[in-house]
N, C-alpha and C. Protein backbone atom coordinates (compact mmCIF):
# COMPACT_ATOMS: atom_id res chain seq x y z
N MET A 1 171.25 158.46 -48.59
CA MET A 1 170.49 157.34 -50.25
C MET A 1 168.94 157.03 -49.66
N ARG A 2 168.40 156.55 -51.31
CA ARG A 2 167.35 156.58 -51.20
C ARG A 2 167.00 155.16 -51.88
N ILE A 3 165.96 154.10 -51.37
CA ILE A 3 166.04 153.19 -52.38
C ILE A 3 164.59 152.93 -52.49
N ARG A 4 164.54 152.41 -53.75
CA ARG A 4 163.43 152.38 -54.95
C ARG A 4 163.42 151.16 -55.64
N ALA A 5 162.18 150.91 -56.29
CA ALA A 5 162.38 149.87 -56.92
C ALA A 5 163.17 150.38 -58.20
N VAL A 6 163.64 148.95 -58.76
CA VAL A 6 164.59 149.49 -60.48
C VAL A 6 163.70 149.56 -60.85
N HIS A 7 164.42 150.61 -61.96
CA HIS A 7 163.98 150.65 -63.49
C HIS A 7 164.29 149.98 -64.46
N LEU A 8 163.38 149.34 -65.59
CA LEU A 8 163.53 148.85 -66.98
C LEU A 8 165.14 149.04 -66.79
N ASP A 9 164.98 149.90 -67.42
CA ASP A 9 166.20 150.72 -67.92
C ASP A 9 167.62 151.15 -67.20
N GLU A 10 167.59 150.39 -65.86
CA GLU A 10 168.64 150.71 -65.42
C GLU A 10 169.58 148.94 -64.74
N LEU A 11 168.51 148.42 -65.59
CA LEU A 11 169.43 147.16 -65.14
C LEU A 11 171.01 146.50 -65.85
N PRO A 12 171.38 147.38 -66.95
CA PRO A 12 172.97 147.17 -67.34
C PRO A 12 173.38 147.95 -66.16
N LEU A 13 173.02 148.93 -65.54
CA LEU A 13 173.68 149.64 -64.47
C LEU A 13 174.37 148.21 -63.22
N LEU A 14 172.89 147.50 -62.81
CA LEU A 14 173.08 146.84 -61.94
C LEU A 14 174.19 145.75 -62.26
N GLN A 15 174.32 145.20 -63.34
CA GLN A 15 175.50 144.54 -64.20
C GLN A 15 177.28 145.21 -63.78
N ASP A 16 177.04 146.64 -63.86
CA ASP A 16 178.47 147.24 -63.68
C ASP A 16 178.30 147.38 -62.49
N ILE A 17 177.72 147.39 -61.66
CA ILE A 17 177.74 147.40 -59.85
C ILE A 17 177.87 146.57 -59.39
N GLU A 18 177.28 145.31 -60.36
CA GLU A 18 178.04 144.12 -59.70
C GLU A 18 179.61 143.70 -60.18
N ARG A 19 179.75 144.30 -61.45
CA ARG A 19 181.27 144.02 -61.54
C ARG A 19 182.20 144.65 -61.17
N ALA A 20 182.17 145.97 -60.38
CA ALA A 20 182.69 146.50 -59.82
C ALA A 20 182.87 146.54 -57.89
N ALA A 21 181.72 145.84 -57.76
CA ALA A 21 181.89 145.62 -56.32
C ALA A 21 182.50 144.26 -56.38
N GLY A 22 182.79 143.27 -57.26
CA GLY A 22 183.27 141.44 -57.49
C GLY A 22 184.83 141.75 -57.30
N GLN A 23 184.96 142.82 -57.59
CA GLN A 23 186.54 143.56 -57.56
C GLN A 23 187.11 143.54 -56.38
N CYS A 24 186.70 143.21 -54.94
CA CYS A 24 187.21 143.08 -53.78
C CYS A 24 187.70 141.86 -53.76
N PHE A 25 186.86 140.73 -54.18
CA PHE A 25 187.67 139.76 -53.87
C PHE A 25 188.99 139.29 -54.34
N ARG A 26 189.36 139.60 -55.17
CA ARG A 26 190.74 139.72 -55.56
C ARG A 26 191.78 139.73 -54.35
N ASP A 27 191.58 140.95 -53.68
CA ASP A 27 192.31 141.04 -52.46
C ASP A 27 192.19 139.64 -51.39
N VAL A 28 191.28 138.94 -51.69
CA VAL A 28 190.98 137.78 -50.59
C VAL A 28 191.68 136.57 -51.20
N GLY A 29 191.89 136.66 -51.99
CA GLY A 29 192.32 135.48 -52.79
C GLY A 29 191.52 134.64 -53.55
N MET A 30 190.66 135.51 -54.06
CA MET A 30 189.08 134.62 -55.06
C MET A 30 188.94 135.39 -55.66
N PRO A 31 189.70 135.67 -57.19
CA PRO A 31 189.18 136.21 -58.43
C PRO A 31 188.54 135.40 -59.05
N GLU A 32 188.43 134.32 -59.11
CA GLU A 32 187.68 133.63 -59.57
C GLU A 32 185.87 134.26 -59.62
N ILE A 33 185.86 135.13 -58.43
CA ILE A 33 184.24 135.27 -57.93
C ILE A 33 184.49 136.97 -58.58
N ALA A 34 185.70 137.37 -58.70
CA ALA A 34 185.63 138.65 -59.41
C ALA A 34 185.41 138.94 -60.78
N GLU A 35 185.80 137.96 -61.21
CA GLU A 35 185.61 137.58 -62.78
C GLU A 35 184.36 136.88 -63.08
N ASP A 36 183.57 136.63 -62.22
CA ASP A 36 182.14 136.05 -62.84
C ASP A 36 181.39 137.00 -63.08
N GLU A 37 180.86 136.67 -63.93
CA GLU A 37 180.10 137.70 -64.34
C GLU A 37 178.83 138.16 -64.08
N PRO A 38 178.26 139.15 -64.17
CA PRO A 38 176.82 139.13 -63.29
C PRO A 38 175.31 138.57 -64.26
N LEU A 39 174.20 138.28 -63.25
CA LEU A 39 173.09 137.96 -63.94
C LEU A 39 173.58 138.10 -65.30
N PRO A 40 172.53 137.71 -66.52
CA PRO A 40 172.48 138.15 -67.92
C PRO A 40 170.98 138.94 -67.32
N LEU A 41 170.82 140.39 -68.79
CA LEU A 41 169.63 141.26 -68.56
C LEU A 41 168.06 140.28 -67.95
N ASP A 42 168.07 139.34 -69.20
CA ASP A 42 166.98 138.69 -69.39
C ASP A 42 166.78 138.19 -68.02
N GLU A 43 167.18 137.39 -67.25
CA GLU A 43 167.04 137.35 -65.67
C GLU A 43 166.70 138.30 -64.94
N LEU A 44 167.77 139.67 -64.63
CA LEU A 44 167.61 140.44 -64.21
C LEU A 44 165.95 140.97 -64.15
N ALA A 45 165.39 140.88 -65.56
CA ALA A 45 164.22 141.57 -65.79
C ALA A 45 163.30 140.69 -65.00
N ARG A 46 163.48 139.13 -65.25
CA ARG A 46 162.42 138.58 -64.64
C ARG A 46 162.29 139.05 -62.82
N TYR A 47 163.38 139.70 -62.11
CA TYR A 47 163.18 139.68 -60.98
C TYR A 47 162.60 141.02 -60.87
N HIS A 48 162.60 142.31 -61.75
CA HIS A 48 161.92 143.31 -62.09
C HIS A 48 160.53 143.27 -62.23
N ARG A 49 160.46 142.10 -63.29
CA ARG A 49 158.63 141.86 -62.97
C ARG A 49 157.65 141.94 -62.29
N ALA A 50 158.99 140.38 -61.46
CA ALA A 50 158.57 139.94 -59.89
C ALA A 50 158.48 141.16 -58.62
N GLY A 51 158.86 141.96 -59.12
CA GLY A 51 158.81 143.27 -57.94
C GLY A 51 159.67 143.13 -57.06
N LEU A 52 161.08 142.16 -57.56
CA LEU A 52 162.10 141.87 -56.35
C LEU A 52 162.75 142.85 -56.64
N ALA A 53 163.36 143.51 -56.87
CA ALA A 53 164.50 144.35 -57.41
C ALA A 53 164.35 145.79 -56.99
N TRP A 54 165.67 146.06 -56.41
CA TRP A 54 165.36 147.36 -55.73
C TRP A 54 166.94 148.24 -55.81
N VAL A 55 166.53 149.24 -55.77
CA VAL A 55 168.36 149.73 -56.19
C VAL A 55 168.36 150.93 -54.72
N ALA A 56 169.68 150.97 -54.22
CA ALA A 56 170.12 152.38 -53.57
C ALA A 56 170.10 153.73 -54.67
N VAL A 57 169.79 154.78 -54.49
CA VAL A 57 170.27 155.84 -55.60
C VAL A 57 170.56 157.35 -54.76
N ASP A 58 171.93 157.49 -55.83
CA ASP A 58 172.50 158.74 -55.28
C ASP A 58 171.51 159.99 -55.34
N ASP A 59 171.88 161.47 -54.96
CA ASP A 59 171.09 162.17 -55.14
C ASP A 59 170.60 162.70 -56.46
N ALA A 60 171.35 162.21 -57.77
CA ALA A 60 171.06 161.94 -58.99
C ALA A 60 169.94 161.28 -59.00
N ASP A 61 169.81 160.57 -58.65
CA ASP A 61 168.36 159.15 -59.18
C ASP A 61 169.19 158.39 -59.92
N THR A 62 171.20 158.24 -59.44
CA THR A 62 171.66 157.05 -60.38
C THR A 62 172.29 155.78 -59.20
N PRO A 63 171.64 154.82 -59.58
CA PRO A 63 171.44 153.65 -59.15
C PRO A 63 173.44 153.50 -58.31
N VAL A 64 173.53 153.14 -57.45
CA VAL A 64 174.80 152.80 -56.42
C VAL A 64 174.61 151.63 -55.96
N ALA A 65 173.80 150.78 -55.81
CA ALA A 65 173.52 149.31 -55.16
C ALA A 65 172.19 148.96 -55.97
N TYR A 66 172.58 147.46 -55.22
CA TYR A 66 171.10 146.86 -55.82
C TYR A 66 171.13 145.82 -54.87
N LEU A 67 169.42 144.98 -54.78
CA LEU A 67 169.25 144.03 -53.82
C LEU A 67 168.42 143.17 -54.87
N ILE A 68 168.12 141.89 -55.18
CA ILE A 68 167.17 141.43 -56.20
C ILE A 68 167.24 139.90 -55.11
N ALA A 69 165.92 139.46 -54.97
CA ALA A 69 165.69 138.37 -54.12
C ALA A 69 164.09 137.73 -54.81
N ASP A 70 164.43 136.28 -54.51
CA ASP A 70 163.36 135.22 -54.67
C ASP A 70 162.28 134.48 -53.35
N ARG A 71 161.52 134.18 -53.86
CA ARG A 71 160.28 133.55 -53.11
C ARG A 71 160.71 132.59 -52.95
N VAL A 72 161.15 131.73 -51.79
CA VAL A 72 161.76 130.43 -51.42
C VAL A 72 161.01 129.54 -49.77
N GLU A 73 159.79 129.08 -50.38
CA GLU A 73 159.19 128.02 -49.32
C GLU A 73 158.50 129.33 -48.42
N GLY A 74 158.22 130.53 -48.73
CA GLY A 74 157.64 131.26 -47.80
C GLY A 74 158.26 132.77 -47.49
N ASN A 75 159.40 132.24 -47.76
CA ASN A 75 160.25 132.99 -46.87
C ASN A 75 161.26 134.27 -48.04
N LEU A 76 161.36 135.50 -48.21
CA LEU A 76 162.26 136.21 -49.29
C LEU A 76 163.75 135.61 -49.20
N HIS A 77 164.66 135.41 -50.30
CA HIS A 77 165.63 134.89 -50.17
C HIS A 77 166.55 135.59 -50.87
N VAL A 78 167.35 136.53 -50.22
CA VAL A 78 168.28 137.86 -51.25
C VAL A 78 169.65 137.01 -52.13
N GLU A 79 169.15 137.14 -53.23
CA GLU A 79 169.79 136.14 -54.42
C GLU A 79 170.98 137.02 -54.77
N GLN A 80 171.01 138.48 -54.49
CA GLN A 80 172.43 139.13 -54.72
C GLN A 80 171.96 140.69 -54.10
N VAL A 81 173.07 140.98 -53.40
CA VAL A 81 173.24 142.55 -53.12
C VAL A 81 174.60 143.18 -53.17
N SER A 82 174.55 143.93 -54.33
CA SER A 82 176.14 144.49 -54.35
C SER A 82 175.74 146.16 -54.51
N VAL A 83 176.88 146.25 -53.58
CA VAL A 83 177.21 147.98 -53.46
C VAL A 83 178.78 148.44 -54.29
N HIS A 84 178.63 149.49 -55.03
CA HIS A 84 179.87 150.17 -55.47
C HIS A 84 180.45 150.39 -54.54
N PRO A 85 181.81 149.93 -54.82
CA PRO A 85 182.98 150.48 -54.23
C PRO A 85 183.01 151.92 -53.58
N ASP A 86 182.56 153.19 -54.73
CA ASP A 86 182.36 154.26 -54.63
C ASP A 86 181.37 154.71 -53.01
N SER A 87 180.48 153.82 -52.65
CA SER A 87 179.29 153.83 -51.86
C SER A 87 179.45 152.74 -50.72
N ALA A 88 180.33 152.27 -50.65
CA ALA A 88 180.78 151.33 -49.28
C ALA A 88 180.30 151.86 -48.17
N ARG A 89 180.28 151.30 -47.23
CA ARG A 89 180.49 151.50 -45.69
C ARG A 89 179.72 152.68 -45.55
N ARG A 90 179.03 153.24 -46.07
CA ARG A 90 177.80 153.86 -45.42
C ARG A 90 176.15 153.43 -45.30
N GLY A 91 176.36 152.09 -45.16
CA GLY A 91 175.21 151.57 -44.57
C GLY A 91 174.62 151.38 -45.66
N VAL A 92 174.21 151.55 -47.11
CA VAL A 92 173.72 151.21 -48.29
C VAL A 92 173.06 149.70 -48.29
N GLY A 93 174.22 148.74 -47.79
CA GLY A 93 173.88 147.38 -47.81
C GLY A 93 172.41 147.02 -47.09
N ARG A 94 173.16 147.99 -45.78
CA ARG A 94 171.98 147.36 -44.68
C ARG A 94 170.67 147.91 -44.83
N SER A 95 170.51 149.03 -45.54
CA SER A 95 169.21 149.58 -45.70
C SER A 95 168.72 148.94 -47.23
N LEU A 96 169.31 148.46 -48.09
CA LEU A 96 168.59 147.48 -49.25
C LEU A 96 167.95 145.99 -48.53
N LEU A 97 169.09 146.09 -47.17
CA LEU A 97 168.00 144.19 -46.39
C LEU A 97 167.31 145.10 -45.80
N ASP A 98 166.91 146.04 -45.12
CA ASP A 98 165.81 146.74 -44.61
C ASP A 98 164.49 146.56 -45.23
N GLN A 99 164.74 147.07 -46.31
CA GLN A 99 163.98 147.32 -47.28
C GLN A 99 162.98 146.13 -47.22
N LEU A 100 163.80 144.99 -47.76
CA LEU A 100 163.65 143.82 -48.39
C LEU A 100 162.79 143.08 -46.78
N ALA A 101 163.34 143.26 -46.01
CA ALA A 101 162.57 142.68 -44.67
C ALA A 101 161.12 143.75 -44.62
N GLY A 102 161.59 145.05 -44.82
CA GLY A 102 159.26 145.71 -44.74
C GLY A 102 158.72 144.49 -45.81
N HIS A 103 159.04 144.85 -47.20
CA HIS A 103 158.73 144.33 -47.64
C HIS A 103 158.11 142.79 -47.50
N ALA A 104 158.80 142.07 -46.81
CA ALA A 104 158.71 140.75 -46.49
C ALA A 104 157.63 140.49 -45.53
N ALA A 105 157.99 141.76 -44.41
CA ALA A 105 156.56 141.74 -43.35
C ALA A 105 155.27 142.27 -43.96
N SER A 106 155.56 142.50 -45.33
CA SER A 106 154.23 142.99 -45.45
C SER A 106 153.41 142.29 -46.40
N GLU A 107 154.53 141.49 -46.55
CA GLU A 107 153.63 139.81 -47.31
C GLU A 107 153.62 138.82 -46.29
N GLY A 108 153.53 139.04 -45.41
CA GLY A 108 153.43 137.66 -44.08
C GLY A 108 154.91 136.88 -44.65
N ALA A 109 155.86 136.98 -44.99
CA ALA A 109 156.88 135.94 -44.76
C ALA A 109 157.64 136.25 -43.28
N PRO A 110 157.80 135.11 -42.48
CA PRO A 110 158.67 135.08 -41.29
C PRO A 110 159.75 135.28 -41.41
N ALA A 111 160.66 134.98 -42.54
CA ALA A 111 161.87 135.62 -42.47
C ALA A 111 162.49 135.95 -44.25
N LEU A 112 163.69 136.05 -43.90
CA LEU A 112 164.85 136.02 -44.52
C LEU A 112 165.85 135.40 -45.14
N THR A 113 166.07 134.87 -45.94
CA THR A 113 167.55 134.06 -46.15
C THR A 113 168.43 134.57 -47.29
N LEU A 114 169.74 133.58 -47.17
CA LEU A 114 170.77 134.23 -47.58
C LEU A 114 171.62 132.88 -48.07
N THR A 115 172.87 132.85 -49.01
CA THR A 115 173.94 132.14 -48.87
C THR A 115 175.08 133.29 -49.03
N THR A 116 176.11 132.71 -48.60
CA THR A 116 177.08 133.01 -48.84
C THR A 116 178.38 132.70 -47.82
N PHE A 117 179.50 133.64 -48.57
CA PHE A 117 180.83 132.98 -48.00
C PHE A 117 181.36 133.33 -46.57
N THR A 118 181.75 132.17 -46.02
CA THR A 118 181.60 132.38 -44.10
C THR A 118 182.76 133.33 -43.83
N GLU A 119 184.03 133.12 -45.06
CA GLU A 119 185.38 133.86 -44.17
C GLU A 119 185.58 135.28 -44.99
N VAL A 120 184.57 135.48 -45.44
CA VAL A 120 185.08 137.19 -46.35
C VAL A 120 184.24 138.23 -45.45
N PRO A 121 184.89 139.00 -44.90
CA PRO A 121 184.39 140.09 -44.14
C PRO A 121 183.07 140.62 -44.23
N TRP A 122 182.89 141.28 -45.65
CA TRP A 122 181.72 141.63 -45.98
C TRP A 122 180.48 140.63 -46.47
N ASN A 123 180.61 139.52 -45.95
CA ASN A 123 179.73 138.39 -46.28
C ASN A 123 179.30 137.98 -44.91
N ALA A 124 179.72 136.51 -44.65
CA ALA A 124 178.84 136.04 -43.14
C ALA A 124 178.74 136.83 -41.90
N PRO A 125 180.05 137.80 -41.70
CA PRO A 125 180.40 138.64 -40.54
C PRO A 125 179.39 139.76 -40.69
N TYR A 126 179.28 140.59 -42.09
CA TYR A 126 178.47 141.24 -42.31
C TYR A 126 176.92 140.74 -41.66
N TYR A 127 176.93 140.20 -42.58
CA TYR A 127 175.01 139.36 -42.36
C TYR A 127 174.90 139.45 -40.96
N ALA A 128 175.84 138.90 -40.45
CA ALA A 128 175.33 138.43 -38.73
C ALA A 128 174.89 139.64 -38.23
N ARG A 129 175.77 140.73 -38.47
CA ARG A 129 175.60 142.32 -38.01
C ARG A 129 174.28 143.15 -38.15
N CYS A 130 173.57 141.89 -39.81
CA CYS A 130 172.21 142.99 -40.17
C CYS A 130 171.37 141.82 -39.35
N GLY A 131 171.51 140.95 -38.62
CA GLY A 131 170.58 139.93 -37.77
C GLY A 131 170.57 139.12 -38.43
N PHE A 132 171.20 138.30 -39.39
CA PHE A 132 171.40 137.06 -39.43
C PHE A 132 172.00 136.10 -38.84
N HIS A 133 171.75 134.58 -38.99
CA HIS A 133 172.45 134.01 -37.88
C HIS A 133 172.46 132.84 -39.18
N PRO A 134 173.17 132.04 -38.69
CA PRO A 134 173.63 130.77 -39.72
C PRO A 134 173.00 129.75 -39.56
N LEU A 135 172.35 128.48 -40.39
CA LEU A 135 171.70 128.00 -40.17
C LEU A 135 172.30 126.59 -40.29
N ASP A 136 172.41 125.21 -39.71
CA ASP A 136 172.90 124.27 -39.63
C ASP A 136 172.44 123.17 -40.92
N ASP A 137 173.21 122.36 -41.63
CA ASP A 137 172.68 121.85 -42.45
C ASP A 137 171.59 121.28 -42.47
N GLY A 138 171.20 120.53 -41.16
CA GLY A 138 170.25 119.81 -41.11
C GLY A 138 168.83 121.14 -40.96
N ASP A 139 169.14 122.27 -40.66
CA ASP A 139 167.89 122.99 -41.00
C ASP A 139 167.41 123.68 -42.19
N LEU A 140 168.39 122.95 -42.99
CA LEU A 140 167.89 123.32 -44.70
C LEU A 140 166.36 123.17 -45.48
N THR A 141 166.44 124.04 -45.55
CA THR A 141 164.81 123.42 -45.94
C THR A 141 164.95 123.00 -47.77
N PRO A 142 164.28 122.25 -48.23
CA PRO A 142 164.13 121.48 -49.18
C PRO A 142 164.72 122.79 -50.28
N GLY A 143 164.38 124.00 -51.05
CA GLY A 143 164.75 125.15 -51.30
C GLY A 143 166.20 125.50 -51.23
N LEU A 144 166.15 125.34 -50.24
CA LEU A 144 168.08 126.27 -49.91
C LEU A 144 168.61 125.26 -49.95
N ARG A 145 168.37 123.86 -49.88
CA ARG A 145 169.04 122.78 -50.45
C ARG A 145 169.56 122.80 -52.18
N LYS A 146 168.50 123.38 -52.92
CA LYS A 146 168.36 123.07 -53.85
C LYS A 146 169.55 124.36 -54.42
N ILE A 147 168.97 125.81 -54.00
CA ILE A 147 170.14 126.67 -54.52
C ILE A 147 171.57 126.12 -53.56
N ARG A 148 171.76 125.74 -52.55
CA ARG A 148 173.40 125.49 -52.25
C ARG A 148 173.79 124.36 -53.58
N ASP A 149 172.93 123.49 -53.57
CA ASP A 149 173.36 122.27 -54.86
C ASP A 149 173.63 123.17 -56.33
N ARG A 150 172.86 124.25 -56.69
CA ARG A 150 173.30 125.23 -57.68
C ARG A 150 174.65 125.60 -57.53
N GLU A 151 175.00 126.23 -56.23
CA GLU A 151 175.60 127.42 -56.25
C GLU A 151 177.04 126.30 -56.48
N ALA A 152 176.97 125.17 -55.88
CA ALA A 152 177.98 123.90 -55.68
C ALA A 152 178.34 123.55 -57.22
N ALA A 153 177.42 123.30 -58.13
CA ALA A 153 177.55 123.05 -59.40
C ALA A 153 178.78 124.15 -60.03
N HIS A 154 178.14 125.34 -59.90
CA HIS A 154 178.84 126.73 -60.10
C HIS A 154 180.23 126.62 -59.34
N GLY A 155 180.83 126.44 -58.97
CA GLY A 155 182.08 125.83 -58.54
C GLY A 155 182.34 126.67 -56.80
N LEU A 156 181.20 127.41 -56.17
CA LEU A 156 181.13 128.13 -54.99
C LEU A 156 181.76 127.63 -54.15
N ASP A 157 181.46 126.43 -53.44
CA ASP A 157 182.11 125.49 -52.54
C ASP A 157 183.32 125.36 -52.88
N ARG A 158 184.38 126.12 -53.22
CA ARG A 158 185.77 125.79 -53.76
C ARG A 158 186.10 126.99 -52.14
N TRP A 159 185.11 127.38 -51.87
CA TRP A 159 185.12 128.58 -50.44
C TRP A 159 184.01 128.00 -49.40
N PRO A 160 184.49 127.79 -48.45
CA PRO A 160 183.38 128.04 -47.51
C PRO A 160 182.41 128.59 -47.22
N ARG A 161 181.37 127.98 -47.39
CA ARG A 161 179.79 128.56 -47.40
C ARG A 161 179.02 128.53 -46.12
N THR A 162 177.93 129.05 -46.43
CA THR A 162 176.36 129.02 -45.32
C THR A 162 175.25 129.40 -45.79
N CYS A 163 174.08 129.30 -45.28
CA CYS A 163 173.05 130.04 -45.55
C CYS A 163 172.72 130.57 -44.51
N MET A 164 171.84 131.54 -44.50
CA MET A 164 171.63 132.27 -42.96
C MET A 164 170.39 132.94 -43.31
N ARG A 165 170.08 132.94 -41.76
CA ARG A 165 168.09 133.49 -41.86
C ARG A 165 168.26 134.89 -41.11
N ARG A 166 167.38 135.30 -41.15
CA ARG A 166 167.27 136.68 -40.66
C ARG A 166 165.79 136.90 -40.14
N ASP A 167 165.18 136.26 -38.73
CA ASP A 167 163.74 136.23 -38.53
C ASP A 167 162.91 137.46 -38.57
N LEU A 168 161.82 137.52 -39.04
CA LEU A 168 161.09 139.02 -38.97
C LEU A 168 160.17 139.04 -37.96
């Protein structure tokens, strides 16, 4: 797999990847997550313009996974990482996270952060294997609290969630 910046005309493919990747949430009793629509194209375009959107591509240069990030209080925050099920379990997600870590380090960011489900095997346990550690509620910055509040308002707190950090 090769990692590169996403092209503007590929944004609809990112939505398709997220829809396909989301279907595995049905298997763990989270159909609402599987049915949740991906970010709209104009929102994905904002990540593209900010230079914070990457894709993993196959040999035909077709995206099979993507990662988008935000700058939150000096760190880079993983907003979404999705791998198409046909490309899962091949290190693609980890490669995208490592790409972000390299980018963050080049900007002088001290860490990556993310929020995730604690009891979904390909979420918090996976991110722990990728070098992230959970943050206690008392360690959350105002920016991370705002993200968690937004997620709670969206109904994501129906299942246990956590913030995680990977120091660079």
